[in-house]
Amino acid sequence: MTDCAFCAIAGGAEPERVVLKDERCVAFLDHRPLFHGHSLLIPRAHHETLLDLPEDEVGPFFQTAQLLTRAVQEAVNAAGTFVAMNNTVSQSVPHLHLHVVPRRPKDGLRGFFWPRTKYKTEDEMRAARDAVSGAVERLRA
């Protein structure tokens, strides 16, 4: 899909944010993270919601989600993660994407009113990217 921001990322746009890629999926840092390391996992093919993802791709997608979740948690030394997906409602980009958000006790997240942050510099974003992608590679090995 030519006008989809996430299809563009899957096609190679914004490589500086990519933390994981394989033949089916791409994961990248959220541009407005809840916490550093907050990543999005998308299928390379354009599917708007989980309901649109072909059945034979569901298992591999969630296996990659499990890998990304471990990597994010390890990369930022988080106590746990929050994994979430919107389907249509509150979906800012109409391309299936799964959020992996690192969590810590008393991190301030309550309900669904969450303050977004930004990386202060490109170097700070690259450090988070390198930590998550490095953890992906270690876990794949």
N, C-alpha and C. Protein backbone atom coordinates (compact mmCIF):
# COMPACT_ATOMS: atom_id res chain seq x y z
N MET A 1 0.86 -1.18 0.00
CA MET A 1 0.00 0.00 0.00
C MET A 1 0.90 1.23 0.00
N THR A 2 0.72 2.09 -0.96
CA THR A 2 1.67 3.18 -1.16
C THR A 2 1.55 4.32 -0.16
N ASP A 3 0.39 4.55 0.41
CA ASP A 3 0.24 5.68 1.34
C ASP A 3 0.26 5.26 2.81
N CYS A 4 0.68 4.06 3.10
CA CYS A 4 0.73 3.57 4.48
C CYS A 4 2.13 3.81 5.06
N ALA A 5 2.18 4.55 6.16
CA ALA A 5 3.47 4.86 6.80
C ALA A 5 4.20 3.60 7.24
N PHE A 6 3.47 2.61 7.72
CA PHE A 6 4.12 1.38 8.19
C PHE A 6 4.59 0.51 7.03
N CYS A 7 3.87 0.53 5.91
CA CYS A 7 4.36 -0.17 4.72
C CYS A 7 5.67 0.47 4.25
N ALA A 8 5.76 1.78 4.36
CA ALA A 8 6.99 2.48 3.99
C ALA A 8 8.14 2.02 4.88
N ILE A 9 7.90 1.90 6.17
CA ILE A 9 8.94 1.43 7.10
C ILE A 9 9.32 0.00 6.76
N ALA A 10 8.33 -0.84 6.48
CA ALA A 10 8.61 -2.23 6.10
C ALA A 10 9.43 -2.29 4.82
N GLY A 11 9.25 -1.28 3.97
CA GLY A 11 9.98 -1.22 2.71
C GLY A 11 11.36 -0.57 2.81
N GLY A 12 11.73 -0.12 4.01
CA GLY A 12 13.07 0.43 4.18
C GLY A 12 13.15 1.87 4.64
N ALA A 13 12.03 2.57 4.72
CA ALA A 13 12.06 3.94 5.24
C ALA A 13 12.37 3.90 6.73
N GLU A 14 13.05 4.90 7.23
CA GLU A 14 13.39 5.03 8.65
C GLU A 14 14.19 3.84 9.19
N PRO A 15 15.22 3.40 8.50
CA PRO A 15 16.00 2.25 8.99
C PRO A 15 16.66 2.52 10.34
N GLU A 16 16.83 3.77 10.68
CA GLU A 16 17.46 4.10 11.96
C GLU A 16 16.61 3.71 13.16
N ARG A 17 15.35 3.42 12.98
CA ARG A 17 14.46 3.02 14.08
C ARG A 17 14.25 1.51 14.16
N VAL A 18 14.67 0.78 13.15
CA VAL A 18 14.40 -0.67 13.06
C VAL A 18 15.22 -1.44 14.09
N VAL A 19 14.55 -2.32 14.84
CA VAL A 19 15.21 -3.15 15.85
C VAL A 19 15.18 -4.63 15.51
N LEU A 20 14.34 -5.02 14.56
CA LEU A 20 14.19 -6.43 14.19
C LEU A 20 13.59 -6.47 12.80
N LYS A 21 14.11 -7.37 11.98
CA LYS A 21 13.47 -7.61 10.69
C LYS A 21 13.73 -9.03 10.26
N ASP A 22 12.72 -9.62 9.66
CA ASP A 22 12.85 -10.93 9.05
C ASP A 22 11.96 -10.94 7.81
N GLU A 23 11.76 -12.10 7.23
CA GLU A 23 11.01 -12.15 5.98
C GLU A 23 9.53 -11.79 6.15
N ARG A 24 9.00 -11.90 7.36
CA ARG A 24 7.57 -11.64 7.58
C ARG A 24 7.27 -10.36 8.34
N CYS A 25 8.20 -9.93 9.21
CA CYS A 25 7.91 -8.84 10.14
C CYS A 25 9.03 -7.82 10.20
N VAL A 26 8.68 -6.65 10.68
CA VAL A 26 9.64 -5.59 10.99
C VAL A 26 9.20 -5.01 12.33
N ALA A 27 10.17 -4.72 13.19
CA ALA A 27 9.88 -4.03 14.46
C ALA A 27 10.75 -2.79 14.51
N PHE A 28 10.20 -1.74 15.09
CA PHE A 28 10.90 -0.47 15.14
C PHE A 28 10.48 0.30 16.38
N LEU A 29 11.32 1.25 16.78
CA LEU A 29 11.01 2.07 17.95
C LEU A 29 9.83 2.99 17.64
N ASP A 30 8.91 3.10 18.59
CA ASP A 30 7.80 4.03 18.48
C ASP A 30 8.36 5.45 18.47
N HIS A 31 7.82 6.33 17.62
CA HIS A 31 8.33 7.70 17.55
C HIS A 31 7.89 8.56 18.74
N ARG A 32 6.90 8.10 19.48
CA ARG A 32 6.49 8.77 20.73
C ARG A 32 6.36 7.70 21.80
N PRO A 33 7.49 7.22 22.29
CA PRO A 33 7.45 6.06 23.21
C PRO A 33 6.87 6.40 24.57
N LEU A 34 6.20 5.42 25.16
CA LEU A 34 5.81 5.56 26.56
C LEU A 34 7.06 5.53 27.42
N PHE A 35 7.97 4.61 27.11
CA PHE A 35 9.28 4.53 27.77
C PHE A 35 10.29 4.14 26.70
N HIS A 36 11.54 4.46 26.93
CA HIS A 36 12.58 4.10 25.97
C HIS A 36 12.58 2.60 25.74
N GLY A 37 12.65 2.23 24.48
CA GLY A 37 12.59 0.82 24.09
C GLY A 37 11.21 0.40 23.59
N HIS A 38 10.19 1.23 23.81
CA HIS A 38 8.83 0.96 23.32
C HIS A 38 8.92 0.72 21.82
N SER A 39 8.52 -0.48 21.40
CA SER A 39 8.66 -0.89 20.01
C SER A 39 7.32 -1.32 19.43
N LEU A 40 7.24 -1.24 18.11
CA LEU A 40 6.07 -1.70 17.37
C LEU A 40 6.49 -2.83 16.45
N LEU A 41 5.70 -3.87 16.42
CA LEU A 41 5.92 -5.00 15.52
C LEU A 41 4.83 -4.98 14.47
N ILE A 42 5.23 -5.06 13.19
CA ILE A 42 4.26 -5.07 12.10
C ILE A 42 4.56 -6.24 11.15
N PRO A 43 3.52 -6.76 10.50
CA PRO A 43 3.79 -7.67 9.40
C PRO A 43 4.26 -6.85 8.21
N ARG A 44 5.16 -7.40 7.40
CA ARG A 44 5.62 -6.67 6.21
C ARG A 44 4.47 -6.42 5.24
N ALA A 45 3.61 -7.42 5.08
CA ALA A 45 2.46 -7.28 4.19
C ALA A 45 1.42 -6.40 4.87
N HIS A 46 0.70 -5.63 4.09
CA HIS A 46 -0.30 -4.73 4.65
C HIS A 46 -1.56 -5.50 5.05
N HIS A 47 -1.82 -5.53 6.34
CA HIS A 47 -3.06 -6.05 6.91
C HIS A 47 -3.48 -5.02 7.94
N GLU A 48 -4.72 -4.56 7.87
CA GLU A 48 -5.14 -3.47 8.75
C GLU A 48 -5.31 -3.90 10.20
N THR A 49 -5.86 -5.07 10.45
CA THR A 49 -6.11 -5.50 11.82
C THR A 49 -5.73 -6.97 11.98
N LEU A 50 -5.74 -7.43 13.21
CA LEU A 50 -5.46 -8.83 13.49
C LEU A 50 -6.45 -9.73 12.75
N LEU A 51 -7.68 -9.29 12.61
CA LEU A 51 -8.69 -10.08 11.90
C LEU A 51 -8.36 -10.26 10.43
N ASP A 52 -7.55 -9.38 9.88
CA ASP A 52 -7.16 -9.45 8.47
C ASP A 52 -5.91 -10.28 8.24
N LEU A 53 -5.17 -10.58 9.30
CA LEU A 53 -3.94 -11.35 9.16
C LEU A 53 -4.30 -12.80 8.80
N PRO A 54 -3.75 -13.34 7.71
CA PRO A 54 -4.08 -14.72 7.35
C PRO A 54 -3.75 -15.68 8.50
N GLU A 55 -4.59 -16.67 8.67
CA GLU A 55 -4.47 -17.61 9.78
C GLU A 55 -3.09 -18.24 9.87
N ASP A 56 -2.49 -18.57 8.74
CA ASP A 56 -1.18 -19.22 8.78
C ASP A 56 -0.04 -18.26 9.15
N GLU A 57 -0.34 -16.97 9.25
CA GLU A 57 0.66 -15.99 9.66
C GLU A 57 0.53 -15.58 11.13
N VAL A 58 -0.56 -15.96 11.76
CA VAL A 58 -0.80 -15.57 13.16
C VAL A 58 0.28 -16.15 14.08
N GLY A 59 0.52 -17.44 13.97
CA GLY A 59 1.53 -18.09 14.82
C GLY A 59 2.91 -17.48 14.65
N PRO A 60 3.43 -17.38 13.42
CA PRO A 60 4.74 -16.77 13.24
C PRO A 60 4.82 -15.32 13.72
N PHE A 61 3.73 -14.56 13.54
CA PHE A 61 3.71 -13.17 14.01
C PHE A 61 3.89 -13.13 15.53
N PHE A 62 3.14 -13.97 16.23
CA PHE A 62 3.23 -13.95 17.68
C PHE A 62 4.51 -14.61 18.21
N GLN A 63 5.12 -15.50 17.45
CA GLN A 63 6.44 -16.01 17.84
C GLN A 63 7.46 -14.88 17.77
N THR A 64 7.35 -14.06 16.74
CA THR A 64 8.24 -12.89 16.63
C THR A 64 7.92 -11.89 17.74
N ALA A 65 6.65 -11.74 18.07
CA ALA A 65 6.26 -10.85 19.17
C ALA A 65 6.89 -11.31 20.49
N GLN A 66 6.92 -12.60 20.69
CA GLN A 66 7.53 -13.15 21.91
C GLN A 66 9.03 -12.84 21.94
N LEU A 67 9.70 -13.00 20.82
CA LEU A 67 11.12 -12.67 20.74
C LEU A 67 11.35 -11.18 21.01
N LEU A 68 10.55 -10.33 20.38
CA LEU A 68 10.70 -8.89 20.59
C LEU A 68 10.43 -8.51 22.03
N THR A 69 9.44 -9.12 22.65
CA THR A 69 9.12 -8.83 24.05
C THR A 69 10.30 -9.17 24.95
N ARG A 70 10.89 -10.33 24.74
CA ARG A 70 12.09 -10.70 25.52
C ARG A 70 13.22 -9.71 25.30
N ALA A 71 13.41 -9.33 24.04
CA ALA A 71 14.50 -8.43 23.69
C ALA A 71 14.32 -7.05 24.32
N VAL A 72 13.12 -6.49 24.24
CA VAL A 72 12.87 -5.18 24.83
C VAL A 72 13.10 -5.23 26.33
N GLN A 73 12.56 -6.24 26.98
CA GLN A 73 12.71 -6.37 28.43
C GLN A 73 14.20 -6.45 28.80
N GLU A 74 14.95 -7.28 28.08
CA GLU A 74 16.38 -7.42 28.36
C GLU A 74 17.14 -6.14 28.04
N ALA A 75 16.83 -5.53 26.92
CA ALA A 75 17.58 -4.36 26.44
C ALA A 75 17.55 -3.19 27.40
N VAL A 76 16.40 -2.98 28.03
CA VAL A 76 16.27 -1.81 28.92
C VAL A 76 16.16 -2.22 30.38
N ASN A 77 16.47 -3.50 30.64
CA ASN A 77 16.46 -4.01 32.01
C ASN A 77 15.13 -3.73 32.71
N ALA A 78 14.04 -4.02 32.00
CA ALA A 78 12.70 -3.80 32.53
C ALA A 78 12.26 -4.99 33.37
N ALA A 79 11.36 -4.73 34.31
CA ALA A 79 10.81 -5.80 35.15
C ALA A 79 9.80 -6.63 34.38
N GLY A 80 9.17 -6.03 33.38
CA GLY A 80 8.16 -6.72 32.58
C GLY A 80 7.82 -5.88 31.37
N THR A 81 6.73 -6.23 30.71
CA THR A 81 6.29 -5.49 29.53
C THR A 81 4.77 -5.42 29.50
N PHE A 82 4.29 -4.49 28.74
CA PHE A 82 2.88 -4.39 28.39
C PHE A 82 2.83 -4.62 26.88
N VAL A 83 2.04 -5.58 26.44
CA VAL A 83 1.91 -5.90 25.03
C VAL A 83 0.47 -5.63 24.64
N ALA A 84 0.28 -4.79 23.61
CA ALA A 84 -1.08 -4.37 23.27
C ALA A 84 -1.24 -4.16 21.77
N MET A 85 -2.49 -4.31 21.34
CA MET A 85 -2.82 -4.10 19.94
C MET A 85 -4.23 -3.52 19.86
N ASN A 86 -4.37 -2.43 19.14
CA ASN A 86 -5.69 -1.89 18.84
C ASN A 86 -6.13 -2.44 17.50
N ASN A 87 -7.41 -2.65 17.35
CA ASN A 87 -7.98 -3.07 16.08
C ASN A 87 -9.04 -2.07 15.69
N THR A 88 -8.70 -1.20 14.77
CA THR A 88 -9.53 -0.13 14.22
C THR A 88 -9.68 1.03 15.21
N VAL A 89 -10.39 0.86 16.31
CA VAL A 89 -10.58 1.95 17.27
C VAL A 89 -9.25 2.25 17.95
N SER A 90 -8.87 3.50 17.97
CA SER A 90 -7.61 3.98 18.55
C SER A 90 -6.38 3.50 17.80
N GLN A 91 -6.56 3.00 16.62
CA GLN A 91 -5.43 2.55 15.80
C GLN A 91 -4.97 3.74 14.97
N SER A 92 -3.84 4.34 15.35
CA SER A 92 -3.38 5.57 14.71
C SER A 92 -2.94 5.36 13.26
N VAL A 93 -2.43 4.20 12.94
CA VAL A 93 -2.04 3.85 11.57
C VAL A 93 -2.81 2.58 11.21
N PRO A 94 -3.56 2.59 10.10
CA PRO A 94 -4.36 1.43 9.75
C PRO A 94 -3.52 0.31 9.13
N HIS A 95 -2.57 -0.16 9.90
CA HIS A 95 -1.72 -1.30 9.55
C HIS A 95 -1.51 -2.03 10.86
N LEU A 96 -1.78 -3.32 10.88
CA LEU A 96 -1.63 -4.11 12.10
C LEU A 96 -0.31 -3.81 12.77
N HIS A 97 -0.36 -3.47 14.03
CA HIS A 97 0.88 -3.26 14.80
C HIS A 97 0.64 -3.61 16.26
N LEU A 98 1.67 -4.21 16.83
CA LEU A 98 1.64 -4.66 18.21
C LEU A 98 2.65 -3.82 19.00
N HIS A 99 2.19 -3.21 20.08
CA HIS A 99 3.06 -2.42 20.95
C HIS A 99 3.72 -3.32 21.98
N VAL A 100 5.02 -3.16 22.17
CA VAL A 100 5.74 -3.82 23.25
C VAL A 100 6.36 -2.69 24.08
N VAL A 101 5.82 -2.52 25.28
CA VAL A 101 6.21 -1.41 26.14
C VAL A 101 6.90 -1.95 27.39
N PRO A 102 8.15 -1.52 27.64
CA PRO A 102 8.81 -1.98 28.87
C PRO A 102 8.12 -1.38 30.09
N ARG A 103 8.05 -2.16 31.15
CA ARG A 103 7.38 -1.71 32.38
C ARG A 103 8.27 -1.94 33.59
N ARG A 104 8.06 -1.09 34.59
CA ARG A 104 8.72 -1.21 35.89
C ARG A 104 7.68 -0.90 36.97
N PRO A 105 7.85 -1.47 38.15
CA PRO A 105 6.92 -1.11 39.23
C PRO A 105 6.92 0.40 39.45
N LYS A 106 5.75 0.94 39.68
CA LYS A 106 5.57 2.37 39.96
C LYS A 106 6.11 3.26 38.83
N ASP A 107 5.94 2.81 37.58
CA ASP A 107 6.43 3.60 36.44
C ASP A 107 5.48 4.72 36.04
N GLY A 108 4.33 4.81 36.71
CA GLY A 108 3.42 5.91 36.46
C GLY A 108 2.30 5.63 35.47
N LEU A 109 2.30 4.47 34.83
CA LEU A 109 1.22 4.18 33.89
C LEU A 109 0.00 3.70 34.67
N ARG A 110 -1.11 4.37 34.42
CA ARG A 110 -2.36 4.02 35.08
C ARG A 110 -3.46 4.08 34.04
N GLY A 111 -4.24 3.03 34.00
CA GLY A 111 -5.34 3.00 33.03
C GLY A 111 -4.81 3.20 31.62
N PHE A 112 -5.50 4.01 30.84
CA PHE A 112 -5.06 4.26 29.48
C PHE A 112 -4.76 5.72 29.22
N PHE A 113 -4.48 6.48 30.26
CA PHE A 113 -4.08 7.87 30.12
C PHE A 113 -2.57 7.95 30.35
N TRP A 114 -1.84 7.70 29.29
CA TRP A 114 -0.40 7.55 29.41
C TRP A 114 0.31 8.71 28.75
N PRO A 115 1.20 9.32 29.47
CA PRO A 115 1.98 10.40 28.85
C PRO A 115 3.01 9.81 27.88
N ARG A 116 3.10 10.40 26.73
CA ARG A 116 4.11 9.98 25.76
C ARG A 116 5.37 10.81 25.99
N THR A 117 6.49 10.25 25.63
CA THR A 117 7.76 10.96 25.74
C THR A 117 8.38 11.03 24.35
N LYS A 118 9.53 11.62 24.29
CA LYS A 118 10.30 11.66 23.05
C LYS A 118 11.74 11.35 23.40
N TYR A 119 12.46 10.85 22.42
CA TYR A 119 13.90 10.72 22.60
C TYR A 119 14.46 12.14 22.50
N LYS A 120 15.30 12.53 23.44
CA LYS A 120 15.83 13.90 23.47
C LYS A 120 16.73 14.18 22.28
N THR A 121 17.46 13.17 21.84
CA THR A 121 18.39 13.31 20.72
C THR A 121 18.33 12.07 19.85
N GLU A 122 18.86 12.20 18.66
CA GLU A 122 18.98 11.04 17.78
C GLU A 122 19.92 10.01 18.41
N ASP A 123 20.94 10.46 19.12
CA ASP A 123 21.86 9.53 19.78
C ASP A 123 21.14 8.72 20.85
N GLU A 124 20.23 9.34 21.59
CA GLU A 124 19.47 8.63 22.61
C GLU A 124 18.57 7.57 21.95
N MET A 125 17.95 7.93 20.82
CA MET A 125 17.11 6.99 20.09
C MET A 125 17.97 5.84 19.56
N ARG A 126 19.15 6.16 19.00
CA ARG A 126 20.02 5.12 18.46
C ARG A 126 20.51 4.18 19.56
N ALA A 127 20.76 4.72 20.75
CA ALA A 127 21.20 3.87 21.86
C ALA A 127 20.10 2.87 22.23
N ALA A 128 18.84 3.33 22.27
CA ALA A 128 17.72 2.42 22.55
C ALA A 128 17.57 1.40 21.43
N ARG A 129 17.68 1.86 20.19
CA ARG A 129 17.60 0.94 19.05
C ARG A 129 18.68 -0.13 19.13
N ASP A 130 19.92 0.29 19.39
CA ASP A 130 21.04 -0.64 19.44
C ASP A 130 20.87 -1.65 20.59
N ALA A 131 20.33 -1.19 21.71
CA ALA A 131 20.11 -2.09 22.84
C ALA A 131 19.07 -3.16 22.49
N VAL A 132 17.96 -2.74 21.88
CA VAL A 132 16.91 -3.70 21.54
C VAL A 132 17.36 -4.62 20.41
N SER A 133 17.95 -4.07 19.35
CA SER A 133 18.37 -4.93 18.24
C SER A 133 19.49 -5.87 18.67
N GLY A 134 20.37 -5.42 19.56
CA GLY A 134 21.41 -6.29 20.10
C GLY A 134 20.83 -7.44 20.90
N ALA A 135 19.80 -7.15 21.69
CA ALA A 135 19.13 -8.20 22.46
C ALA A 135 18.43 -9.18 21.52
N VAL A 136 17.84 -8.69 20.44
CA VAL A 136 17.21 -9.58 19.44
C VAL A 136 18.26 -10.55 18.91
N GLU A 137 19.41 -10.03 18.53
CA GLU A 137 20.46 -10.89 17.95
C GLU A 137 20.96 -11.91 18.97
N ARG A 138 21.14 -11.49 20.20
CA ARG A 138 21.58 -12.44 21.25
C ARG A 138 20.55 -13.55 21.45
N LEU A 139 19.28 -13.18 21.46
CA LEU A 139 18.22 -14.16 21.69
C LEU A 139 18.02 -15.09 20.49
N ARG A 140 18.29 -14.61 19.30
CA ARG A 140 18.19 -15.45 18.10
C ARG A 140 19.32 -16.47 18.04
N ALA A 141 20.46 -16.13 18.63
CA ALA A 141 21.65 -17.00 18.53
C ALA A 141 21.50 -18.29 19.33
